[in-house]
Amino acid sequence: MTRFAVLGPLECWSGPQQVEIRGSLQRSLLGALLAAEAKPVSVRALVTELWGDAPPAQWENALHAHVSRLRRRITGCSDRATAEPGGSPRLIGLATGYRLVVTETDLDSLSFTRQVARARAIAAIAPSEAAELLRSALSLWRGTAFGMITGGPMARAAAHHLEAARTVALEVLFDVELRIGRHADIIPALRELVESPQLNERFCEQLMVALYRSGRQAEALATYRAMRHRLDEELGVLPTQTLRDHERAILNHHPALHTRANHMALRE
């Protein structure tokens, strides 16, 4: 069984054995096909992914050669045998492009997305189960999506989308953890995120609630002031109304801040 991983450095596995994908063009080709998550990718898009605006003179032959080489690497099949023994087709040639067939069990980004979707669907009625699903989904991450800063437009767009989805999953997880009374447990992770270069007011809100519920009101207010200062220094803006409402709620000991209360009411 062939498996792929993009929630970190791009990897391909055949059973317990990692398959080395050599060369930047081969890795760009595989990255583009995986970024499509089993959807067809046009020849035009693949040419742009591999060569940008300067494809070689014989780009048709070059693309076909790269596809054939990649197919042999990831399936052990020839061009005429595009299916794994006893399995479904993998890299399929279409009239207008190519499609890499993958499922939730084959590609970590699909597994991540499905687990997060299931968790969000049950968060209101089964928060503990939702938290477990979210932690399982987030454990799939090994680093920056696709492990790249540069790359073709498809891989870059997919990486940005996945990174945004990871942030949302963390936000949902911390909301669920606060709801079930695990405020003390999530303080270290939230503090690290709030102090990271990426500004995120939702994480700041959640850290303020977690600190308040842990009897650390002064630290909660200091967290707000630090975020307000960073927003002013780095972006020249004020905190959102929601974040200001959290500060006011802490000062006034709002009931929504009580342990296991619905802290999300402060966002309404």
C-alpha atoms as a PDB file:
ATOM      1  CA  MET A   1       0.000   0.000   0.000  1.00  0.00           C
ATOM      2  CA  THR A   2       1.356   3.401  -1.000  1.00  0.00           C
ATOM      3  CA  ARG A   3       0.882   6.313   1.399  1.00  0.00           C
ATOM      4  CA  PHE A   4       1.700   9.992   1.059  1.00  0.00           C
ATOM      5  CA  ALA A   5       2.391  12.700   3.624  1.00  0.00           C
ATOM      6  CA  VAL A   6       2.259  16.450   2.998  1.00  0.00           C
ATOM      7  CA  LEU A   7       1.650  17.786   6.530  1.00  0.00           C
ATOM      8  CA  GLY A   8       5.351  18.435   6.802  1.00  0.00           C
ATOM      9  CA  PRO A   9       8.124  17.434   4.375  1.00  0.00           C
ATOM     10  CA  LEU A  10       6.717  15.681   1.295  1.00  0.00           C
ATOM     11  CA  GLU A  11       7.021  11.908   1.810  1.00  0.00           C
ATOM     12  CA  CYS A  12       5.966   8.741   0.006  1.00  0.00           C
ATOM     13  CA  TRP A  13       5.810   5.323   1.654  1.00  0.00           C
ATOM     14  CA  SER A  14       5.310   1.834   0.241  1.00  0.00           C
ATOM     15  CA  GLY A  15       4.334  -0.252   3.236  1.00  0.00           C
ATOM     16  CA  PRO A  16       7.043   0.348   5.887  1.00  0.00           C
ATOM     17  CA  GLN A  17       9.577   1.470   3.270  1.00  0.00           C
ATOM     18  CA  GLN A  18       9.995   5.144   2.405  1.00  0.00           C
ATOM     19  CA  VAL A  19      10.185   5.789  -1.343  1.00  0.00           C
ATOM     20  CA  GLU A  20      12.704   8.450  -2.281  1.00  0.00           C
ATOM     21  CA  ILE A  21      11.401  10.924  -4.846  1.00  0.00           C
ATOM     22  CA  ARG A  22      14.530  12.367  -6.404  1.00  0.00           C
ATOM     23  CA  GLY A  23      14.861  15.720  -8.116  1.00  0.00           C
ATOM     24  CA  SER A  24      13.007  18.991  -7.712  1.00  0.00           C
ATOM     25  CA  LEU A  25      10.835  18.432 -10.803  1.00  0.00           C
ATOM     26  CA  GLN A  26       9.714  14.993  -9.639  1.00  0.00           C
ATOM     27  CA  ARG A  27       8.885  16.370  -6.201  1.00  0.00           C
ATOM     28  CA  SER A  28       7.055  19.349  -7.724  1.00  0.00           C
ATOM     29  CA  LEU A  29       5.029  16.990  -9.925  1.00  0.00           C
ATOM     30  CA  LEU A  30       4.075  14.777  -6.991  1.00  0.00           C
ATOM     31  CA  GLY A  31       3.320  17.838  -4.852  1.00  0.00           C
ATOM     32  CA  ALA A  32       0.946  19.222  -7.474  1.00  0.00           C
ATOM     33  CA  LEU A  33      -0.888  15.916  -7.857  1.00  0.00           C
ATOM     34  CA  LEU A  34      -1.225  15.538  -4.088  1.00  0.00           C
ATOM     35  CA  ALA A  35      -2.320  19.156  -3.698  1.00  0.00           C
ATOM     36  CA  ALA A  36      -5.283  18.321  -5.944  1.00  0.00           C
ATOM     37  CA  GLU A  37      -6.396  15.620  -3.447  1.00  0.00           C
ATOM     38  CA  ALA A  38      -7.516  13.061  -6.060  1.00  0.00           C
ATOM     39  CA  LYS A  39      -8.970  15.633  -8.458  1.00  0.00           C
ATOM     40  CA  PRO A  40      -7.736  15.807 -12.071  1.00  0.00           C
ATOM     41  CA  VAL A  41      -4.901  18.218 -12.812  1.00  0.00           C
ATOM     42  CA  SER A  42      -4.666  19.680 -16.304  1.00  0.00           C
ATOM     43  CA  VAL A  43      -1.540  19.443 -18.408  1.00  0.00           C
ATOM     44  CA  ARG A  44      -1.358  23.248 -18.450  1.00  0.00           C
ATOM     45  CA  ALA A  45      -1.373  23.403 -14.653  1.00  0.00           C
ATOM     46  CA  LEU A  46       1.347  20.756 -14.385  1.00  0.00           C
ATOM     47  CA  VAL A  47       3.558  22.524 -16.917  1.00  0.00           C
ATOM     48  CA  THR A  48       3.229  25.742 -14.923  1.00  0.00           C
ATOM     49  CA  GLU A  49       3.959  23.879 -11.695  1.00  0.00           C
ATOM     50  CA  LEU A  50       7.149  22.360 -13.072  1.00  0.00           C
ATOM     51  CA  TRP A  51       8.545  25.115 -15.269  1.00  0.00           C
ATOM     52  CA  GLY A  52       6.589  28.301 -14.602  1.00  0.00           C
ATOM     53  CA  ASP A  53       6.489  30.587 -17.631  1.00  0.00           C
ATOM     54  CA  ALA A  54       9.543  29.013 -19.273  1.00  0.00           C
ATOM     55  CA  PRO A  55       8.799  25.386 -20.222  1.00  0.00           C
ATOM     56  CA  PRO A  56      11.341  23.503 -22.351  1.00  0.00           C
ATOM     57  CA  ALA A  57      10.926  23.315 -26.122  1.00  0.00           C
ATOM     58  CA  GLN A  58       9.748  19.696 -25.964  1.00  0.00           C
ATOM     59  CA  TRP A  59       7.668  20.092 -22.837  1.00  0.00           C
ATOM     60  CA  GLU A  60       5.099  17.457 -23.914  1.00  0.00           C
ATOM     61  CA  ASN A  61       7.747  14.743 -24.050  1.00  0.00           C
ATOM     62  CA  ALA A  62       9.406  16.051 -20.891  1.00  0.00           C
ATOM     63  CA  LEU A  63       6.153  16.007 -18.914  1.00  0.00           C
ATOM     64  CA  HIS A  64       5.298  12.508 -20.131  1.00  0.00           C
ATOM     65  CA  ALA A  65       8.749  11.289 -19.121  1.00  0.00           C
ATOM     66  CA  HIS A  66       8.428  12.794 -15.644  1.00  0.00           C
ATOM     67  CA  VAL A  67       4.957  11.276 -15.187  1.00  0.00           C
ATOM     68  CA  SER A  68       6.200   7.853 -16.301  1.00  0.00           C
ATOM     69  CA  ARG A  69       9.179   8.047 -13.951  1.00  0.00           C
ATOM     70  CA  LEU A  70       7.006   9.129 -11.031  1.00  0.00           C
ATOM     71  CA  ARG A  71       4.480   6.376 -11.723  1.00  0.00           C
ATOM     72  CA  ARG A  72       7.202   3.754 -11.574  1.00  0.00           C
ATOM     73  CA  ARG A  73       8.548   5.201  -8.313  1.00  0.00           C
ATOM     74  CA  ILE A  74       5.248   5.324  -6.442  1.00  0.00           C
ATOM     75  CA  THR A  75       3.530   2.208  -7.816  1.00  0.00           C
ATOM     76  CA  GLY A  76       6.246  -0.031  -9.182  1.00  0.00           C
ATOM     77  CA  CYS A  77       4.160  -0.286 -12.339  1.00  0.00           C
ATOM     78  CA  SER A  78       4.895   0.322 -15.982  1.00  0.00           C
ATOM     79  CA  ASP A  79       2.913   2.822 -18.039  1.00  0.00           C
ATOM     80  CA  ARG A  80       0.563   0.048 -19.157  1.00  0.00           C
ATOM     81  CA  ALA A  81      -0.128  -1.158 -15.626  1.00  0.00           C
ATOM     82  CA  THR A  82      -1.244   1.807 -13.598  1.00  0.00           C
ATOM     83  CA  ALA A  83      -2.880  -0.170 -10.818  1.00  0.00           C
ATOM     84  CA  GLU A  84      -1.353  -1.602  -7.703  1.00  0.00           C
ATOM     85  CA  PRO A  85      -1.769  -5.383  -7.466  1.00  0.00           C
ATOM     86  CA  GLY A  86      -5.151  -5.976  -5.892  1.00  0.00           C
ATOM     87  CA  GLY A  87      -5.654  -2.234  -5.435  1.00  0.00           C
ATOM     88  CA  SER A  88      -7.113   0.772  -7.190  1.00  0.00           C
ATOM     89  CA  PRO A  89      -5.381   2.802  -9.902  1.00  0.00           C
ATOM     90  CA  ARG A  90      -2.915   5.392  -8.691  1.00  0.00           C
ATOM     91  CA  LEU A  91      -1.538   7.735 -11.308  1.00  0.00           C
ATOM     92  CA  ILE A  92      -4.020   7.870 -14.170  1.00  0.00           C
ATOM     93  CA  GLY A  93      -3.574   9.581 -17.523  1.00  0.00           C
ATOM     94  CA  LEU A  94      -6.634  11.505 -18.704  1.00  0.00           C
ATOM     95  CA  ALA A  95      -7.473  13.208 -21.984  1.00  0.00           C
ATOM     96  CA  THR A  96      -6.594  16.628 -20.566  1.00  0.00           C
ATOM     97  CA  GLY A  97      -4.221  15.817 -17.728  1.00  0.00           C
ATOM     98  CA  TYR A  98      -3.508  13.406 -14.895  1.00  0.00           C
ATOM     99  CA  ARG A  99      -5.087  12.249 -11.669  1.00  0.00           C
ATOM    100  CA  LEU A 100      -3.408  10.687  -8.642  1.00  0.00           C
ATOM    101  CA  VAL A 101      -6.007   8.550  -6.889  1.00  0.00           C
ATOM    102  CA  VAL A 102      -5.741   8.841  -3.121  1.00  0.00           C
ATOM    103  CA  THR A 103      -8.122   8.247  -0.217  1.00  0.00           C
ATOM    104  CA  GLU A 104      -8.273   9.270   3.428  1.00  0.00           C
ATOM    105  CA  THR A 105      -6.069   6.310   4.369  1.00  0.00           C
ATOM    106  CA  ASP A 106      -3.483   7.167   1.690  1.00  0.00           C
ATOM    107  CA  LEU A 107      -2.957  10.900   2.256  1.00  0.00           C
ATOM    108  CA  ASP A 108      -2.496  12.566   5.635  1.00  0.00           C
ATOM    109  CA  SER A 109      -4.069  15.878   4.582  1.00  0.00           C
ATOM    110  CA  LEU A 110      -7.319  14.102   3.645  1.00  0.00           C
ATOM    111  CA  SER A 111      -7.325  12.253   6.961  1.00  0.00           C
ATOM    112  CA  PHE A 112      -6.709  15.536   8.799  1.00  0.00           C
ATOM    113  CA  THR A 113      -9.537  17.329   6.988  1.00  0.00           C
ATOM    114  CA  ARG A 114     -12.042  14.527   7.547  1.00  0.00           C
ATOM    115  CA  GLN A 115     -11.206  14.149  11.252  1.00  0.00           C
ATOM    116  CA  VAL A 116     -11.534  17.898  11.833  1.00  0.00           C
ATOM    117  CA  ALA A 117     -14.883  17.967  10.008  1.00  0.00           C
ATOM    118  CA  ARG A 118     -16.193  15.082  12.152  1.00  0.00           C
ATOM    119  CA  ALA A 119     -14.966  16.781  15.313  1.00  0.00           C
ATOM    120  CA  ARG A 120     -16.661  20.067  14.480  1.00  0.00           C
ATOM    121  CA  ALA A 121     -19.910  18.243  13.709  1.00  0.00           C
ATOM    122  CA  ILE A 122     -20.072  16.663  17.182  1.00  0.00           C
ATOM    123  CA  ALA A 123     -18.371  19.369  19.263  1.00  0.00           C
ATOM    124  CA  ALA A 124     -21.629  20.696  20.700  1.00  0.00           C
ATOM    125  CA  ILE A 125     -22.990  17.297  21.792  1.00  0.00           C
ATOM    126  CA  ALA A 126     -19.820  15.275  22.495  1.00  0.00           C
ATOM    127  CA  PRO A 127     -17.037  17.719  23.328  1.00  0.00           C
ATOM    128  CA  SER A 128     -14.687  15.151  24.861  1.00  0.00           C
ATOM    129  CA  GLU A 129     -14.904  12.935  21.775  1.00  0.00           C
ATOM    130  CA  ALA A 130     -14.438  15.985  19.563  1.00  0.00           C
ATOM    131  CA  ALA A 131     -11.312  16.935  21.492  1.00  0.00           C
ATOM    132  CA  GLU A 132      -9.842  13.455  20.973  1.00  0.00           C
ATOM    133  CA  LEU A 133     -10.541  13.633  17.240  1.00  0.00           C
ATOM    134  CA  LEU A 134      -8.929  17.056  16.991  1.00  0.00           C
ATOM    135  CA  ARG A 135      -5.851  15.960  18.888  1.00  0.00           C
ATOM    136  CA  SER A 136      -5.556  12.921  16.616  1.00  0.00           C
ATOM    137  CA  ALA A 137      -5.873  15.112  13.512  1.00  0.00           C
ATOM    138  CA  LEU A 138      -3.307  17.628  14.729  1.00  0.00           C
ATOM    139  CA  SER A 139      -0.851  14.841  15.614  1.00  0.00           C
ATOM    140  CA  LEU A 140      -0.513  14.138  11.879  1.00  0.00           C
ATOM    141  CA  TRP A 141       1.443  17.359  11.418  1.00  0.00           C
ATOM    142  CA  ARG A 142       5.254  17.061  11.246  1.00  0.00           C
ATOM    143  CA  GLY A 143       6.095  20.635  10.205  1.00  0.00           C
ATOM    144  CA  THR A 144       5.107  23.194   7.568  1.00  0.00           C
ATOM    145  CA  ALA A 145       2.669  21.811   4.977  1.00  0.00           C
ATOM    146  CA  PHE A 146       4.565  20.432   1.983  1.00  0.00           C
ATOM    147  CA  GLY A 147       7.758  21.370   3.825  1.00  0.00           C
ATOM    148  CA  MET A 148       8.341  24.222   1.433  1.00  0.00           C
ATOM    149  CA  ILE A 149       8.444  27.989   1.275  1.00  0.00           C
ATOM    150  CA  THR A 150       8.772  28.048  -2.499  1.00  0.00           C
ATOM    151  CA  GLY A 151       7.218  25.759  -5.089  1.00  0.00           C
ATOM    152  CA  GLY A 152       4.632  25.862  -7.823  1.00  0.00           C
ATOM    153  CA  PRO A 153       1.347  27.745  -7.461  1.00  0.00           C
ATOM    154  CA  MET A 154      -0.715  24.624  -6.751  1.00  0.00           C
ATOM    155  CA  ALA A 155       1.516  23.393  -3.948  1.00  0.00           C
ATOM    156  CA  ARG A 156       1.837  26.876  -2.451  1.00  0.00           C
ATOM    157  CA  ALA A 157      -1.932  27.419  -2.488  1.00  0.00           C
ATOM    158  CA  ALA A 158      -2.541  23.992  -0.933  1.00  0.00           C
ATOM    159  CA  ALA A 159       0.084  24.650   1.742  1.00  0.00           C
ATOM    160  CA  HIS A 160      -1.487  27.974   2.684  1.00  0.00           C
ATOM    161  CA  HIS A 161      -4.955  26.381   2.790  1.00  0.00           C
ATOM    162  CA  LEU A 162      -3.762  23.550   5.026  1.00  0.00           C
ATOM    163  CA  GLU A 163      -1.911  25.882   7.368  1.00  0.00           C
ATOM    164  CA  ALA A 164      -5.091  27.949   7.745  1.00  0.00           C
ATOM    165  CA  ALA A 165      -7.071  24.774   8.423  1.00  0.00           C
ATOM    166  CA  ARG A 166      -4.542  23.789  11.075  1.00  0.00           C
ATOM    167  CA  THR A 167      -5.048  27.131  12.833  1.00  0.00           C
ATOM    168  CA  VAL A 168      -8.829  26.677  12.766  1.00  0.00           C
ATOM    169  CA  ALA A 169      -8.478  23.156  14.176  1.00  0.00           C
ATOM    170  CA  LEU A 170      -6.403  24.499  17.053  1.00  0.00           C
ATOM    171  CA  GLU A 171      -8.944  27.242  17.740  1.00  0.00           C
ATOM    172  CA  VAL A 172     -11.770  24.694  17.819  1.00  0.00           C
ATOM    173  CA  LEU A 173      -9.748  22.333  20.025  1.00  0.00           C
ATOM    174  CA  PHE A 174      -9.032  25.033  22.619  1.00  0.00           C
ATOM    175  CA  ASP A 175     -12.682  26.103  22.645  1.00  0.00           C
ATOM    176  CA  VAL A 176     -13.681  22.492  23.330  1.00  0.00           C
ATOM    177  CA  GLU A 177     -10.987  22.067  25.987  1.00  0.00           C
ATOM    178  CA  LEU A 178     -12.221  25.206  27.760  1.00  0.00           C
ATOM    179  CA  ARG A 179     -15.772  23.910  27.625  1.00  0.00           C
ATOM    180  CA  ILE A 180     -14.870  20.631  29.355  1.00  0.00           C
ATOM    181  CA  GLY A 181     -12.748  22.248  32.048  1.00  0.00           C
ATOM    182  CA  ARG A 182      -9.213  21.624  30.781  1.00  0.00           C
ATOM    183  CA  HIS A 183      -8.221  25.280  30.986  1.00  0.00           C
ATOM    184  CA  ALA A 184      -5.076  24.673  33.034  1.00  0.00           C
ATOM    185  CA  ASP A 185      -3.816  22.001  30.611  1.00  0.00           C
ATOM    186  CA  ILE A 186      -3.917  24.241  27.537  1.00  0.00           C
ATOM    187  CA  ILE A 187      -2.181  27.315  28.988  1.00  0.00           C
ATOM    188  CA  PRO A 188       1.367  26.337  27.882  1.00  0.00           C
ATOM    189  CA  ALA A 189       0.321  25.616  24.275  1.00  0.00           C
ATOM    190  CA  LEU A 190      -1.785  28.772  24.072  1.00  0.00           C
ATOM    191  CA  ARG A 191       0.969  30.928  25.524  1.00  0.00           C
ATOM    192  CA  GLU A 192       3.430  29.622  22.934  1.00  0.00           C
ATOM    193  CA  LEU A 193       0.982  30.404  20.131  1.00  0.00           C
ATOM    194  CA  VAL A 194       0.153  33.868  21.455  1.00  0.00           C
ATOM    195  CA  GLU A 195       3.852  34.717  21.704  1.00  0.00           C
ATOM    196  CA  SER A 196       4.659  33.372  18.226  1.00  0.00           C
ATOM    197  CA  PRO A 197       5.290  35.803  15.322  1.00  0.00           C
ATOM    198  CA  GLN A 198       1.834  35.156  13.891  1.00  0.00           C
ATOM    199  CA  LEU A 199      -0.757  37.447  15.470  1.00  0.00           C
ATOM    200  CA  ASN A 200      -3.963  35.626  16.370  1.00  0.00           C
ATOM    201  CA  GLU A 201      -6.501  37.327  18.606  1.00  0.00           C
ATOM    202  CA  ARG A 202      -8.592  34.166  19.019  1.00  0.00           C
ATOM    203  CA  PHE A 203      -5.705  32.404  20.747  1.00  0.00           C
ATOM    204  CA  CYS A 204      -5.270  35.487  22.924  1.00  0.00           C
ATOM    205  CA  GLU A 205      -8.945  35.368  23.933  1.00  0.00           C
ATOM    206  CA  GLN A 206      -8.668  31.690  24.807  1.00  0.00           C
ATOM    207  CA  LEU A 207      -5.497  32.208  26.836  1.00  0.00           C
ATOM    208  CA  MET A 208      -7.145  35.033  28.776  1.00  0.00           C
ATOM    209  CA  VAL A 209     -10.108  32.776  29.621  1.00  0.00           C
ATOM    210  CA  ALA A 210      -7.840  29.865  30.574  1.00  0.00           C
ATOM    211  CA  LEU A 211      -5.742  32.072  32.857  1.00  0.00           C
ATOM    212  CA  TYR A 212      -8.796  33.643  34.492  1.00  0.00           C
ATOM    213  CA  ARG A 213     -10.338  30.240  35.173  1.00  0.00           C
ATOM    214  CA  SER A 214      -7.026  29.151  36.714  1.00  0.00           C
ATOM    215  CA  GLY A 215      -7.185  32.020  39.213  1.00  0.00           C
ATOM    216  CA  ARG A 216      -4.607  34.112  37.345  1.00  0.00           C
ATOM    217  CA  GLN A 217      -6.616  37.249  36.564  1.00  0.00           C
ATOM    218  CA  ALA A 218      -3.589  39.570  36.578  1.00  0.00           C
ATOM    219  CA  GLU A 219      -1.823  37.400  33.991  1.00  0.00           C
ATOM    220  CA  ALA A 220      -4.966  37.345  31.862  1.00  0.00           C
ATOM    221  CA  LEU A 221      -5.072  41.145  31.801  1.00  0.00           C
ATOM    222  CA  ALA A 222      -1.320  41.326  31.136  1.00  0.00           C
ATOM    223  CA  THR A 223      -1.864  39.009  28.146  1.00  0.00           C
ATOM    224  CA  TYR A 224      -4.420  41.426  26.753  1.00  0.00           C
ATOM    225  CA  ARG A 225      -2.103  44.406  27.202  1.00  0.00           C
ATOM    226  CA  ALA A 226       0.760  42.585  25.484  1.00  0.00           C
ATOM    227  CA  MET A 227      -1.430  41.754  22.478  1.00  0.00           C
ATOM    228  CA  ARG A 228      -2.744  45.324  22.327  1.00  0.00           C
ATOM    229  CA  HIS A 229       0.861  46.586  22.279  1.00  0.00           C
ATOM    230  CA  ARG A 230       1.883  44.169  19.520  1.00  0.00           C
ATOM    231  CA  LEU A 231      -1.113  45.072  17.363  1.00  0.00           C
ATOM    232  CA  ASP A 232      -0.254  48.749  17.719  1.00  0.00           C
ATOM    233  CA  GLU A 233       3.485  48.283  17.103  1.00  0.00           C
ATOM    234  CA  GLU A 234       3.269  45.775  14.238  1.00  0.00           C
ATOM    235  CA  LEU A 235       0.042  46.713  12.454  1.00  0.00           C
ATOM    236  CA  GLY A 236      -0.963  50.098  13.823  1.00  0.00           C
ATOM    237  CA  VAL A 237      -4.427  48.852  14.785  1.00  0.00           C
ATOM    238  CA  LEU A 238      -6.478  48.434  17.948  1.00  0.00           C
ATOM    239  CA  PRO A 239      -7.657  45.056  19.262  1.00  0.00           C
ATOM    240  CA  THR A 240     -10.965  43.857  17.872  1.00  0.00           C
ATOM    241  CA  GLN A 241     -14.131  44.611  19.785  1.00  0.00           C
ATOM    242  CA  THR A 242     -14.316  40.945  20.772  1.00  0.00           C
ATOM    243  CA  LEU A 243     -10.891  41.018  22.396  1.00  0.00           C
ATOM    244  CA  ARG A 244     -11.741  44.271  24.183  1.00  0.00           C
ATOM    245  CA  ASP A 245     -14.952  42.617  25.408  1.00  0.00           C
ATOM    246  CA  HIS A 246     -12.847  39.822  26.914  1.00  0.00           C
ATOM    247  CA  GLU A 247     -10.807  42.329  28.874  1.00  0.00           C
ATOM    248  CA  ARG A 248     -13.978  44.002  30.130  1.00  0.00           C
ATOM    249  CA  ALA A 249     -15.492  40.614  31.029  1.00  0.00           C
ATOM    250  CA  ILE A 250     -12.449  39.738  33.130  1.00  0.00           C
ATOM    251  CA  LEU A 251     -12.580  43.069  34.945  1.00  0.00           C
ATOM    252  CA  ASN A 252     -16.296  42.557  35.628  1.00  0.00           C
ATOM    253  CA  HIS A 253     -16.083  38.819  36.439  1.00  0.00           C
ATOM    254  CA  HIS A 254     -18.567  37.934  33.696  1.00  0.00           C
ATOM    255  CA  PRO A 255     -20.525  34.678  34.284  1.00  0.00           C
ATOM    256  CA  ALA A 256     -19.365  33.354  30.889  1.00  0.00           C
ATOM    257  CA  LEU A 257     -15.872  33.130  32.367  1.00  0.00           C
ATOM    258  CA  HIS A 258     -16.910  30.651  35.039  1.00  0.00           C
ATOM    259  CA  THR A 259     -15.482  27.141  34.667  1.00  0.00           C
ATOM    260  CA  ARG A 260     -17.436  25.097  32.102  1.00  0.00           C
ATOM    261  CA  ALA A 261     -19.624  28.097  31.247  1.00  0.00           C
ATOM    262  CA  ASN A 262     -20.080  29.027  27.594  1.00  0.00           C
ATOM    263  CA  HIS A 263     -17.122  31.386  27.137  1.00  0.00           C
ATOM    264  CA  MET A 264     -17.996  31.708  23.449  1.00  0.00           C
ATOM    265  CA  ALA A 265     -20.954  33.876  24.445  1.00  0.00           C
ATOM    266  CA  LEU A 266     -18.432  36.700  24.776  1.00  0.00           C
ATOM    267  CA  ARG A 267     -17.990  36.612  20.981  1.00  0.00           C
ATOM    268  CA  GLU A 268     -21.657  37.209  20.278  1.00  0.00           C
END
